[in-house]
Structures are given as C-alpha cells and as structure tokens.
Amino acid sequence: MGARWFVEKTKNLQISHRVREIHLSTQSKFQRIDVVDTHSLGRVLFLDNMAQSSELDEFIYHEMMVHPALFTHSPVRSVCIIGGAEGATLREVLKHEPDRVVMIDIDEQLVDICKAYLPAWSQGAYEDSRVELRFEDGRKFLEETQERFDVVVIDLSDPLQGGPATLLYTREFYQIVYDRLSEKGCASIQSESLNPARIEAHARVYNTLRQIFPYVRPYGYMSHSFHELYSFTLASKAHDPDGIDIEKGFHEKNMHLRYYSPELHRGMFKLPRALYDAYGKFDRLITDRDVVYYPGKKMPSPAK
C-alpha cells in the first residue's frame, strides 16, 4: 500500500521489514552496511542485507554475550573483544570495571558509522580511557600479541561465503584464542542459529571447541531481530560455567540488567535433546581447510 520495505533474503527465506526511514546505505571495504528505522524493530543495523543488531532487542544479545563469561571469570582484569562494532559489547564489558579492554574490529568505516548512527548502543564506551581500539584482523592480532587476557569475547557476524569472518570459526583460530587466555581464562563465542534447519554450523562450532577447551557450555537466547533462537558458547580453561554461583557477585555489582540474571544463569546451560542429537550427527571439526558457512547465503555483490 505504498509502504517501503527492506528485504532480507536467503536461498529459501525472505523477510520484509516495513521502513520508516533509511538513514544510510553504503559499501565498506568488507561488507554492505545499511542503517534503517523500521516499524517493528526500531533502528536496525543490517550487514550484507541481514539484520545484525536492533534497537528493540540488542540488550538481550549483548548481555547474554558478555556477562556469563565475565561472571565465570571474576574478577576480570583484562578483556579482548574481537568484532563488536556497535560498541554495545564494549558497553557491557565495562560494567565489570576491568583494568584494560582491547577491542579489534577489521572495519573502521563500520565502527565510525555505528558511533554516528547508533550512539545508544555504545553509550560513550568508546571514550573510556581503559579501551584500546584497533582496526585490523582480529586473528592476526591474537597470533602476534604476547598479551594474555582473562576473557576473550568473539562477537562476529555469521560466516558468509566470501565474508571476512569465516576463518574466525575454525579450530586453528580457537587454539589461538586458548593460547592467549590467562591461566583460568574463558571465551564467549557467537555460535550461530539453533534452528533445526540450520543447526550444523552451531553443532560443528561446539564439537570444534571441545577439542581445545576442557569446559564448553552452549546456551540459547531468543533473538527477535534474527527471527529465531540463536546461541553463544562459553569455553573455559578452568571453571565449569554451569557450576558457578553468580548470585553474590551479581548483587554486589548492582548492574540493573534487563535480561541476564542469576536465576537465568542457573538454568540456561540445560539443553534440549535435539541439540545433543545434532552434536552427534554433525561432529566434523571446522578447520582452515574445511570451513563452515551460514547456509543459503553469500556475500552480496557490491552495488554499482
């Protein structure tokens, strides 16, 4: 009826968002970037024509990505964030008062766009003196640095065929992460969809991490902007996250979070039977020579 629509499309699925206003449509060196005000999700960052973060529910994604790991390893002195251009992962990390945070994102243009168009996400976090912001390949940084971190947060977009994130979902990369963690360190990893039609990527990430870390705990969350259940996986060198009682530390920090809580932590590592079946079925490790892709989706061709 004369409305404008922004369309997400994969091989077998199309989702249309009714548009209030398109603020920006551009192509960086690495990806297509759109910032769109929608009727259903508020302001949305789309990367390569797929929703990456929305005003409606970004707090769910970022609280669930950060706090289980930082409460598992508490107190936290140093944190490394790989990705996270919106600045909201950084925002949540800083609530734990670390001494130092190193954030690495490969796309400087995207970070600048997020600062300009999504300021409610970062809430001034980029101006914090404890933060070192670097624009380079996150894997290369971890390979070359001698610094060790208490927590590494891997906040990546999906591994699209031809995209920049593919080699940050492999056994070789996860081994580098393990080597850069402190003695009792842990990593929080964006580990893909729990949709039964697309479960292979998640299952292979889980099985790959289990070859490296003694404690590997996946957990799901509802992402309204991703239209389905998604997951993170917490991988720890020394502590089983499922055995950590965060109640005392949580209330001492008095963070006033909107989603994550001690009650949620106590139950969130309990998984449905179908996931264990998938772990048994899709047990091939992800390697630099045998990568995993988000199914049915490739990098879009640059606009001419």
C-alpha atoms as a PDB file:
ATOM      1  CA  MET A   1       0.000   0.000   0.000  1.00  0.00           C
ATOM      2  CA  GLY A   2       2.763   2.403  -0.912  1.00  0.00           C
ATOM      3  CA  ALA A   3       4.992   1.423   2.028  1.00  0.00           C
ATOM      4  CA  ARG A   4       8.726   0.924   1.681  1.00  0.00           C
ATOM      5  CA  TRP A   5      10.241  -2.402   2.680  1.00  0.00           C
ATOM      6  CA  PHE A   6      13.767  -3.597   3.459  1.00  0.00           C
ATOM      7  CA  VAL A   7      14.157  -7.235   2.448  1.00  0.00           C
ATOM      8  CA  GLU A   8      16.394  -9.885   3.976  1.00  0.00           C
ATOM      9  CA  LYS A   9      16.734 -12.813   1.600  1.00  0.00           C
ATOM     10  CA  THR A  10      18.457 -16.186   1.682  1.00  0.00           C
ATOM     11  CA  LYS A  11      18.048 -19.100  -0.706  1.00  0.00           C
ATOM     12  CA  ASN A  12      14.878 -20.355   0.975  1.00  0.00           C
ATOM     13  CA  LEU A  13      13.616 -17.490   3.101  1.00  0.00           C
ATOM     14  CA  GLN A  14      12.604 -13.846   2.651  1.00  0.00           C
ATOM     15  CA  ILE A  15      11.751 -11.439   5.482  1.00  0.00           C
ATOM     16  CA  SER A  16      10.471  -7.920   4.836  1.00  0.00           C
ATOM     17  CA  HIS A  17      10.721  -5.005   7.266  1.00  0.00           C
ATOM     18  CA  ARG A  18       8.410  -2.031   6.826  1.00  0.00           C
ATOM     19  CA  VAL A  19      10.627   1.057   6.726  1.00  0.00           C
ATOM     20  CA  ARG A  20      10.151   4.374   8.488  1.00  0.00           C
ATOM     21  CA  GLU A  21      13.401   5.888   7.227  1.00  0.00           C
ATOM     22  CA  ILE A  22      16.634   4.741   5.612  1.00  0.00           C
ATOM     23  CA  HIS A  23      19.499   6.670   7.193  1.00  0.00           C
ATOM     24  CA  LEU A  24      22.420   5.118   5.347  1.00  0.00           C
ATOM     25  CA  SER A  25      23.164   2.589   2.600  1.00  0.00           C
ATOM     26  CA  THR A  26      26.810   2.104   1.730  1.00  0.00           C
ATOM     27  CA  GLN A  27      29.514  -0.428   0.965  1.00  0.00           C
ATOM     28  CA  SER A  28      32.650  -0.563   3.093  1.00  0.00           C
ATOM     29  CA  LYS A  29      35.788  -2.422   2.077  1.00  0.00           C
ATOM     30  CA  PHE A  30      34.419  -5.526   3.786  1.00  0.00           C
ATOM     31  CA  GLN A  31      30.612  -5.505   3.745  1.00  0.00           C
ATOM     32  CA  ARG A  32      27.342  -3.866   2.793  1.00  0.00           C
ATOM     33  CA  ILE A  33      26.069  -1.547   5.564  1.00  0.00           C
ATOM     34  CA  ASP A  34      22.502  -0.250   5.972  1.00  0.00           C
ATOM     35  CA  VAL A  35      21.051   1.686   8.914  1.00  0.00           C
ATOM     36  CA  VAL A  36      17.261   1.624   8.770  1.00  0.00           C
ATOM     37  CA  ASP A  37      14.441   2.735  11.060  1.00  0.00           C
ATOM     38  CA  THR A  38      11.747   0.037  10.959  1.00  0.00           C
ATOM     39  CA  HIS A  39       8.239  -0.132  12.372  1.00  0.00           C
ATOM     40  CA  SER A  40       8.748  -3.479  14.105  1.00  0.00           C
ATOM     41  CA  LEU A  41      12.328  -3.391  15.452  1.00  0.00           C
ATOM     42  CA  GLY A  42      13.162   0.302  15.731  1.00  0.00           C
ATOM     43  CA  ARG A  43      16.558   1.247  14.337  1.00  0.00           C
ATOM     44  CA  VAL A  44      18.354  -1.711  12.761  1.00  0.00           C
ATOM     45  CA  LEU A  45      21.891  -2.255  11.535  1.00  0.00           C
ATOM     46  CA  PHE A  46      21.912  -4.560   8.523  1.00  0.00           C
ATOM     47  CA  LEU A  47      25.187  -6.089   7.326  1.00  0.00           C
ATOM     48  CA  ASP A  48      25.193  -7.763   3.928  1.00  0.00           C
ATOM     49  CA  ASN A  49      21.388  -7.422   3.875  1.00  0.00           C
ATOM     50  CA  MET A  50      20.936  -9.356   7.137  1.00  0.00           C
ATOM     51  CA  ALA A  51      19.838  -7.886  10.463  1.00  0.00           C
ATOM     52  CA  GLN A  52      22.854  -7.523  12.740  1.00  0.00           C
ATOM     53  CA  SER A  53      21.509  -5.520  15.678  1.00  0.00           C
ATOM     54  CA  SER A  54      18.219  -3.831  16.514  1.00  0.00           C
ATOM     55  CA  GLU A  55      17.054  -1.151  18.907  1.00  0.00           C
ATOM     56  CA  LEU A  56      14.315  -3.463  20.205  1.00  0.00           C
ATOM     57  CA  ASP A  57      16.437  -6.320  21.499  1.00  0.00           C
ATOM     58  CA  GLU A  58      20.154  -5.539  21.316  1.00  0.00           C
ATOM     59  CA  PHE A  59      20.258  -5.666  25.124  1.00  0.00           C
ATOM     60  CA  ILE A  60      19.391  -9.374  25.002  1.00  0.00           C
ATOM     61  CA  TYR A  61      22.226 -10.206  22.628  1.00  0.00           C
ATOM     62  CA  HIS A  62      24.875  -8.140  24.364  1.00  0.00           C
ATOM     63  CA  GLU A  63      24.010  -9.051  27.952  1.00  0.00           C
ATOM     64  CA  MET A  64      23.983 -12.735  27.054  1.00  0.00           C
ATOM     65  CA  MET A  65      27.246 -12.488  25.133  1.00  0.00           C
ATOM     66  CA  VAL A  66      29.211 -10.726  27.869  1.00  0.00           C
ATOM     67  CA  HIS A  67      28.011 -11.418  31.396  1.00  0.00           C
ATOM     68  CA  PRO A  68      28.075 -15.232  31.625  1.00  0.00           C
ATOM     69  CA  ALA A  69      31.765 -15.178  30.678  1.00  0.00           C
ATOM     70  CA  LEU A  70      32.760 -12.287  32.917  1.00  0.00           C
ATOM     71  CA  PHE A  71      30.941 -13.702  35.914  1.00  0.00           C
ATOM     72  CA  THR A  72      32.521 -17.104  35.271  1.00  0.00           C
ATOM     73  CA  HIS A  73      35.938 -15.406  35.417  1.00  0.00           C
ATOM     74  CA  SER A  74      35.592 -12.862  38.200  1.00  0.00           C
ATOM     75  CA  PRO A  75      37.286 -10.540  38.949  1.00  0.00           C
ATOM     76  CA  VAL A  76      38.335  -9.598  35.421  1.00  0.00           C
ATOM     77  CA  ARG A  77      41.422  -7.501  34.794  1.00  0.00           C
ATOM     78  CA  SER A  78      41.801  -7.653  31.009  1.00  0.00           C
ATOM     79  CA  VAL A  79      39.387  -8.363  28.160  1.00  0.00           C
ATOM     80  CA  CYS A  80      39.835  -8.693  24.404  1.00  0.00           C
ATOM     81  CA  ILE A  81      36.843  -8.145  22.109  1.00  0.00           C
ATOM     82  CA  ILE A  82      37.019  -9.385  18.524  1.00  0.00           C
ATOM     83  CA  GLY A  83      34.367  -7.611  16.434  1.00  0.00           C
ATOM     84  CA  GLY A  84      31.527  -5.769  18.170  1.00  0.00           C
ATOM     85  CA  ALA A  85      31.483  -2.631  16.015  1.00  0.00           C
ATOM     86  CA  GLU A  86      28.258  -1.300  17.557  1.00  0.00           C
ATOM     87  CA  GLY A  87      30.076  -0.742  20.857  1.00  0.00           C
ATOM     88  CA  ALA A  88      27.394  -2.457  22.958  1.00  0.00           C
ATOM     89  CA  THR A  89      29.576  -5.461  23.773  1.00  0.00           C
ATOM     90  CA  LEU A  90      32.184  -2.967  24.972  1.00  0.00           C
ATOM     91  CA  ARG A  91      29.492  -1.150  26.966  1.00  0.00           C
ATOM     92  CA  GLU A  92      28.583  -4.335  28.831  1.00  0.00           C
ATOM     93  CA  VAL A  93      32.211  -5.373  29.412  1.00  0.00           C
ATOM     94  CA  LEU A  94      32.991  -2.028  31.054  1.00  0.00           C
ATOM     95  CA  LYS A  95      30.287  -2.647  33.669  1.00  0.00           C
ATOM     96  CA  HIS A  96      32.690  -5.182  35.234  1.00  0.00           C
ATOM     97  CA  GLU A  97      35.346  -2.478  35.787  1.00  0.00           C
ATOM     98  CA  PRO A  98      38.286  -4.205  34.045  1.00  0.00           C
ATOM     99  CA  ASP A  99      41.688  -2.537  34.051  1.00  0.00           C
ATOM    100  CA  ARG A 100      42.070  -2.843  30.293  1.00  0.00           C
ATOM    101  CA  VAL A 101      39.984  -3.694  27.216  1.00  0.00           C
ATOM    102  CA  VAL A 102      41.443  -4.237  23.755  1.00  0.00           C
ATOM    103  CA  MET A 103      38.830  -4.170  21.002  1.00  0.00           C
ATOM    104  CA  ILE A 104      39.736  -5.219  17.471  1.00  0.00           C
ATOM    105  CA  ASP A 105      37.420  -4.703  14.508  1.00  0.00           C
ATOM    106  CA  ILE A 106      38.516  -5.099  10.912  1.00  0.00           C
ATOM    107  CA  ASP A 107      36.085  -2.493   9.547  1.00  0.00           C
ATOM    108  CA  GLU A 108      36.904   1.040  10.714  1.00  0.00           C
ATOM    109  CA  GLN A 109      34.203   2.526   8.499  1.00  0.00           C
ATOM    110  CA  LEU A 110      31.560   0.369  10.183  1.00  0.00           C
ATOM    111  CA  VAL A 111      32.699   1.454  13.657  1.00  0.00           C
ATOM    112  CA  ASP A 112      32.524   5.118  12.611  1.00  0.00           C
ATOM    113  CA  ILE A 113      29.017   4.553  11.228  1.00  0.00           C
ATOM    114  CA  CYS A 114      27.906   2.913  14.465  1.00  0.00           C
ATOM    115  CA  LYS A 115      29.284   5.783  16.517  1.00  0.00           C
ATOM    116  CA  ALA A 116      27.358   8.256  14.355  1.00  0.00           C
ATOM    117  CA  TYR A 117      24.068   6.397  13.826  1.00  0.00           C
ATOM    118  CA  LEU A 118      23.840   4.019  16.819  1.00  0.00           C
ATOM    119  CA  PRO A 119      25.083   6.089  19.784  1.00  0.00           C
ATOM    120  CA  ALA A 120      22.553   4.443  22.124  1.00  0.00           C
ATOM    121  CA  TRP A 121      24.392   1.161  21.643  1.00  0.00           C
ATOM    122  CA  SER A 122      27.835   2.287  22.861  1.00  0.00           C
ATOM    123  CA  GLN A 123      26.647   4.958  25.342  1.00  0.00           C
ATOM    124  CA  GLY A 124      30.063   6.614  25.425  1.00  0.00           C
ATOM    125  CA  ALA A 125      32.045   3.387  25.833  1.00  0.00           C
ATOM    126  CA  TYR A 126      34.473   4.301  23.047  1.00  0.00           C
ATOM    127  CA  GLU A 127      35.611   7.338  25.035  1.00  0.00           C
ATOM    128  CA  ASP A 128      36.626   5.278  28.092  1.00  0.00           C
ATOM    129  CA  SER A 129      40.362   5.610  28.832  1.00  0.00           C
ATOM    130  CA  ARG A 130      40.672   1.883  29.589  1.00  0.00           C
ATOM    131  CA  VAL A 131      39.835   0.993  25.980  1.00  0.00           C
ATOM    132  CA  GLU A 132      42.374   0.418  23.221  1.00  0.00           C
ATOM    133  CA  LEU A 133      40.556   0.342  19.864  1.00  0.00           C
ATOM    134  CA  ARG A 134      42.415  -1.250  16.951  1.00  0.00           C
ATOM    135  CA  PHE A 135      41.400  -1.673  13.310  1.00  0.00           C
ATOM    136  CA  GLU A 136      42.958  -4.845  11.970  1.00  0.00           C
ATOM    137  CA  ASP A 137      42.356  -8.533  11.531  1.00  0.00           C
ATOM    138  CA  GLY A 138      41.457  -9.999  14.934  1.00  0.00           C
ATOM    139  CA  ARG A 139      43.053 -13.342  14.236  1.00  0.00           C
ATOM    140  CA  LYS A 140      46.321 -11.731  13.161  1.00  0.00           C
ATOM    141  CA  PHE A 141      46.332  -9.586  16.319  1.00  0.00           C
ATOM    142  CA  LEU A 142      45.948 -12.608  18.592  1.00  0.00           C
ATOM    143  CA  GLU A 143      48.600 -14.531  16.665  1.00  0.00           C
ATOM    144  CA  GLU A 144      51.145 -11.749  17.115  1.00  0.00           C
ATOM    145  CA  THR A 145      50.449 -10.346  20.578  1.00  0.00           C
ATOM    146  CA  GLN A 146      52.146 -11.704  23.692  1.00  0.00           C
ATOM    147  CA  GLU A 147      49.434 -10.264  25.937  1.00  0.00           C
ATOM    148  CA  ARG A 148      47.144 -12.604  27.849  1.00  0.00           C
ATOM    149  CA  PHE A 149      43.513 -11.861  28.612  1.00  0.00           C
ATOM    150  CA  ASP A 150      41.146 -13.100  31.293  1.00  0.00           C
ATOM    151  CA  VAL A 151      38.267 -13.138  28.801  1.00  0.00           C
ATOM    152  CA  VAL A 152      38.095 -13.067  25.002  1.00  0.00           C
ATOM    153  CA  VAL A 153      34.717 -12.112  23.542  1.00  0.00           C
ATOM    154  CA  ILE A 154      34.263 -13.148  19.907  1.00  0.00           C
ATOM    155  CA  ASP A 155      31.388 -11.008  18.626  1.00  0.00           C
ATOM    156  CA  LEU A 156      31.239 -11.824  14.921  1.00  0.00           C
ATOM    157  CA  SER A 157      28.711 -11.729  12.122  1.00  0.00           C
ATOM    158  CA  ASP A 158      27.698 -15.008  10.507  1.00  0.00           C
ATOM    159  CA  PRO A 159      30.339 -16.819   8.424  1.00  0.00           C
ATOM    160  CA  LEU A 160      29.095 -15.922   4.950  1.00  0.00           C
ATOM    161  CA  GLN A 161      30.715 -17.413   1.913  1.00  0.00           C
ATOM    162  CA  GLY A 162      33.228 -14.792   0.769  1.00  0.00           C
ATOM    163  CA  GLY A 163      32.880 -12.853   4.032  1.00  0.00           C
ATOM    164  CA  PRO A 164      35.567 -11.604   6.454  1.00  0.00           C
ATOM    165  CA  ALA A 165      34.589 -13.778   9.449  1.00  0.00           C
ATOM    166  CA  THR A 166      34.972 -17.298   8.033  1.00  0.00           C
ATOM    167  CA  LEU A 167      38.459 -18.027   9.374  1.00  0.00           C
ATOM    168  CA  LEU A 168      37.428 -16.926  12.868  1.00  0.00           C
ATOM    169  CA  TYR A 169      35.236 -20.018  13.205  1.00  0.00           C
ATOM    170  CA  THR A 170      37.954 -22.674  12.900  1.00  0.00           C
ATOM    171  CA  ARG A 171      39.937 -24.996  15.146  1.00  0.00           C
ATOM    172  CA  GLU A 172      43.133 -23.111  14.361  1.00  0.00           C
ATOM    173  CA  PHE A 173      41.601 -19.819  15.457  1.00  0.00           C
ATOM    174  CA  TYR A 174      40.089 -21.256  18.634  1.00  0.00           C
ATOM    175  CA  GLN A 175      43.511 -22.658  19.537  1.00  0.00           C
ATOM    176  CA  ILE A 176      44.985 -19.174  19.170  1.00  0.00           C
ATOM    177  CA  VAL A 177      42.252 -17.855  21.489  1.00  0.00           C
ATOM    178  CA  TYR A 178      43.048 -20.566  24.050  1.00  0.00           C
ATOM    179  CA  ASP A 179      46.753 -19.699  23.963  1.00  0.00           C
ATOM    180  CA  ARG A 180      46.060 -16.000  24.558  1.00  0.00           C
ATOM    181  CA  LEU A 181      43.892 -16.592  27.625  1.00  0.00           C
ATOM    182  CA  SER A 182      45.228 -16.343  31.158  1.00  0.00           C
ATOM    183  CA  GLU A 183      45.538 -19.492  33.266  1.00  0.00           C
ATOM    184  CA  LYS A 184      41.859 -19.512  34.274  1.00  0.00           C
ATOM    185  CA  GLY A 185      40.559 -17.586  31.275  1.00  0.00           C
ATOM    186  CA  CYS A 186      37.423 -18.143  29.228  1.00  0.00           C
ATOM    187  CA  ALA A 187      35.987 -17.173  25.862  1.00  0.00           C
ATOM    188  CA  SER A 188      32.478 -16.187  24.805  1.00  0.00           C
ATOM    189  CA  ILE A 189      31.728 -17.126  21.207  1.00  0.00           C
ATOM    190  CA  GLN A 190      28.847 -16.232  18.875  1.00  0.00           C
ATOM    191  CA  SER A 191      27.893 -19.769  17.836  1.00  0.00           C
ATOM    192  CA  GLU A 192      25.089 -19.482  15.300  1.00  0.00           C
ATOM    193  CA  SER A 193      21.451 -20.463  14.979  1.00  0.00           C
ATOM    194  CA  LEU A 194      19.628 -23.217  16.884  1.00  0.00           C
ATOM    195  CA  ASN A 195      17.065 -23.505  14.087  1.00  0.00           C
ATOM    196  CA  PRO A 196      16.878 -27.252  13.267  1.00  0.00           C
ATOM    197  CA  ALA A 197      17.168 -26.397   9.569  1.00  0.00           C
ATOM    198  CA  ARG A 198      20.498 -24.623  10.160  1.00  0.00           C
ATOM    199  CA  ILE A 199      21.888 -26.463  13.177  1.00  0.00           C
ATOM    200  CA  GLU A 200      25.024 -27.850  11.504  1.00  0.00           C
ATOM    201  CA  ALA A 201      27.106 -24.685  11.963  1.00  0.00           C
ATOM    202  CA  HIS A 202      26.348 -24.497  15.688  1.00  0.00           C
ATOM    203  CA  ALA A 203      26.999 -28.210  16.221  1.00  0.00           C
ATOM    204  CA  ARG A 204      30.334 -28.065  14.439  1.00  0.00           C
ATOM    205  CA  VAL A 205      31.410 -24.996  16.456  1.00  0.00           C
ATOM    206  CA  TYR A 206      30.586 -26.899  19.665  1.00  0.00           C
ATOM    207  CA  ASN A 207      32.473 -30.018  18.616  1.00  0.00           C
ATOM    208  CA  THR A 208      35.454 -27.976  17.462  1.00  0.00           C
ATOM    209  CA  LEU A 209      35.701 -26.086  20.764  1.00  0.00           C
ATOM    210  CA  ARG A 210      35.514 -29.351  22.710  1.00  0.00           C
ATOM    211  CA  GLN A 211      38.776 -30.434  21.102  1.00  0.00           C
ATOM    212  CA  ILE A 212      40.531 -27.482  22.769  1.00  0.00           C
ATOM    213  CA  PHE A 213      38.766 -26.392  25.974  1.00  0.00           C
ATOM    214  CA  PRO A 214      38.004 -28.645  28.973  1.00  0.00           C
ATOM    215  CA  TYR A 215      34.697 -26.868  29.635  1.00  0.00           C
ATOM    216  CA  VAL A 216      32.377 -25.978  26.740  1.00  0.00           C
ATOM    217  CA  ARG A 217      28.849 -24.812  27.544  1.00  0.00           C
ATOM    218  CA  PRO A 218      26.445 -23.672  24.791  1.00  0.00           C
ATOM    219  CA  TYR A 219      23.305 -21.721  25.650  1.00  0.00           C
ATOM    220  CA  GLY A 220      20.445 -20.270  23.660  1.00  0.00           C
ATOM    221  CA  TYR A 221      18.553 -16.990  23.652  1.00  0.00           C
ATOM    222  CA  MET A 222      15.640 -15.625  21.668  1.00  0.00           C
ATOM    223  CA  SER A 223      16.712 -13.051  19.097  1.00  0.00           C
ATOM    224  CA  HIS A 224      13.648 -11.220  17.819  1.00  0.00           C
ATOM    225  CA  SER A 225      15.671  -9.374  15.194  1.00  0.00           C
ATOM    226  CA  PHE A 226      17.197 -12.652  13.958  1.00  0.00           C
ATOM    227  CA  HIS A 227      13.695 -14.221  13.974  1.00  0.00           C
ATOM    228  CA  GLU A 228      14.755 -17.403  15.779  1.00  0.00           C
ATOM    229  CA  LEU A 229      16.722 -18.954  18.623  1.00  0.00           C
ATOM    230  CA  TYR A 230      20.437 -18.182  18.419  1.00  0.00           C
ATOM    231  CA  SER A 231      23.315 -19.273  20.630  1.00  0.00           C
ATOM    232  CA  PHE A 232      26.511 -18.391  22.386  1.00  0.00           C
ATOM    233  CA  THR A 233      29.061 -20.871  23.643  1.00  0.00           C
ATOM    234  CA  LEU A 234      31.151 -20.290  26.748  1.00  0.00           C
ATOM    235  CA  ALA A 235      34.521 -22.086  26.657  1.00  0.00           C
ATOM    236  CA  SER A 236      36.621 -22.082  29.830  1.00  0.00           C
ATOM    237  CA  LYS A 237      40.099 -23.282  30.752  1.00  0.00           C
ATOM    238  CA  ALA A 238      39.478 -23.822  34.473  1.00  0.00           C
ATOM    239  CA  HIS A 239      35.832 -23.467  35.549  1.00  0.00           C
ATOM    240  CA  ASP A 240      32.590 -25.120  34.502  1.00  0.00           C
ATOM    241  CA  PRO A 241      30.188 -22.187  33.948  1.00  0.00           C
ATOM    242  CA  ASP A 242      27.304 -24.466  34.848  1.00  0.00           C
ATOM    243  CA  GLY A 243      28.768 -24.863  38.331  1.00  0.00           C
ATOM    244  CA  ILE A 244      29.372 -21.180  39.052  1.00  0.00           C
ATOM    245  CA  ASP A 245      27.075 -19.469  41.577  1.00  0.00           C
ATOM    246  CA  ILE A 246      26.966 -15.838  40.461  1.00  0.00           C
ATOM    247  CA  GLU A 247      24.327 -14.664  42.962  1.00  0.00           C
ATOM    248  CA  LYS A 248      26.643 -12.850  45.405  1.00  0.00           C
ATOM    249  CA  GLY A 249      28.819 -11.204  42.743  1.00  0.00           C
ATOM    250  CA  PHE A 250      25.822 -10.195  40.663  1.00  0.00           C
ATOM    251  CA  HIS A 251      24.145  -8.318  43.505  1.00  0.00           C
ATOM    252  CA  GLU A 252      27.421  -6.731  44.643  1.00  0.00           C
ATOM    253  CA  LYS A 253      27.911  -5.236  41.158  1.00  0.00           C
ATOM    254  CA  ASN A 254      24.320  -3.891  41.141  1.00  0.00           C
ATOM    255  CA  MET A 255      24.209  -3.646  37.335  1.00  0.00           C
ATOM    256  CA  HIS A 256      20.418  -3.435  36.821  1.00  0.00           C
ATOM    257  CA  LEU A 257      20.476  -5.650  33.748  1.00  0.00           C
ATOM    258  CA  ARG A 258      17.342  -6.233  31.714  1.00  0.00           C
ATOM    259  CA  TYR A 259      17.763  -9.874  30.655  1.00  0.00           C
ATOM    260  CA  TYR A 260      20.623 -11.806  32.256  1.00  0.00           C
ATOM    261  CA  SER A 261      20.274 -12.740  35.936  1.00  0.00           C
ATOM    262  CA  PRO A 262      21.427 -15.344  38.494  1.00  0.00           C
ATOM    263  CA  GLU A 263      18.129 -17.183  38.002  1.00  0.00           C
ATOM    264  CA  LEU A 264      18.674 -17.348  34.260  1.00  0.00           C
ATOM    265  CA  HIS A 265      22.304 -18.432  34.685  1.00  0.00           C
ATOM    266  CA  ARG A 266      21.286 -21.396  36.825  1.00  0.00           C
ATOM    267  CA  GLY A 267      19.150 -22.877  34.055  1.00  0.00           C
ATOM    268  CA  MET A 268      20.472 -21.601  30.752  1.00  0.00           C
ATOM    269  CA  PHE A 269      23.003 -24.380  30.121  1.00  0.00           C
ATOM    270  CA  LYS A 270      20.286 -27.066  30.129  1.00  0.00           C
ATOM    271  CA  LEU A 271      19.786 -28.089  26.506  1.00  0.00           C
ATOM    272  CA  PRO A 272      17.022 -29.883  24.607  1.00  0.00           C
ATOM    273  CA  ARG A 273      17.573 -33.441  23.461  1.00  0.00           C
ATOM    274  CA  ALA A 274      17.625 -32.430  19.788  1.00  0.00           C
ATOM    275  CA  LEU A 275      20.803 -30.416  20.328  1.00  0.00           C
ATOM    276  CA  TYR A 276      22.689 -33.392  21.725  1.00  0.00           C
ATOM    277  CA  ASP A 277      21.496 -35.395  18.726  1.00  0.00           C
ATOM    278  CA  ALA A 278      22.878 -32.681  16.432  1.00  0.00           C
ATOM    279  CA  TYR A 279      26.242 -32.734  18.242  1.00  0.00           C
ATOM    280  CA  GLY A 280      26.470 -36.430  17.495  1.00  0.00           C
ATOM    281  CA  LYS A 281      25.396 -36.051  13.878  1.00  0.00           C
ATOM    282  CA  PHE A 282      27.498 -33.035  12.858  1.00  0.00           C
ATOM    283  CA  ASP A 283      30.793 -33.930  14.502  1.00  0.00           C
ATOM    284  CA  ARG A 284      33.173 -32.855  11.736  1.00  0.00           C
ATOM    285  CA  LEU A 285      35.610 -30.245  13.039  1.00  0.00           C
ATOM    286  CA  ILE A 286      35.814 -26.806  11.458  1.00  0.00           C
ATOM    287  CA  THR A 287      39.321 -26.129  10.165  1.00  0.00           C
ATOM    288  CA  ASP A 288      41.002 -23.596   7.911  1.00  0.00           C
ATOM    289  CA  ARG A 289      40.664 -26.195   5.133  1.00  0.00           C
ATOM    290  CA  ASP A 290      37.101 -27.230   5.991  1.00  0.00           C
ATOM    291  CA  VAL A 291      35.188 -24.102   6.987  1.00  0.00           C
ATOM    292  CA  VAL A 292      31.518 -23.658   7.842  1.00  0.00           C
ATOM    293  CA  TYR A 293      29.111 -21.228   6.154  1.00  0.00           C
ATOM    294  CA  TYR A 294      25.724 -19.772   7.008  1.00  0.00           C
ATOM    295  CA  PRO A 295      23.564 -21.919   4.695  1.00  0.00           C
ATOM    296  CA  GLY A 296      21.902 -20.441   1.644  1.00  0.00           C
ATOM    297  CA  LYS A 297      23.540 -17.026   1.894  1.00  0.00           C
ATOM    298  CA  LYS A 298      26.553 -15.484   0.163  1.00  0.00           C
ATOM    299  CA  MET A 299      28.100 -12.055   0.333  1.00  0.00           C
ATOM    300  CA  PRO A 300      26.015  -9.708  -1.858  1.00  0.00           C
ATOM    301  CA  SER A 301      27.644  -8.242  -4.927  1.00  0.00           C
ATOM    302  CA  PRO A 302      28.767  -4.620  -4.395  1.00  0.00           C
ATOM    303  CA  ALA A 303      26.307  -2.056  -5.692  1.00  0.00           C
ATOM    304  CA  LYS A 304      27.412  -0.484  -8.967  1.00  0.00           C
END
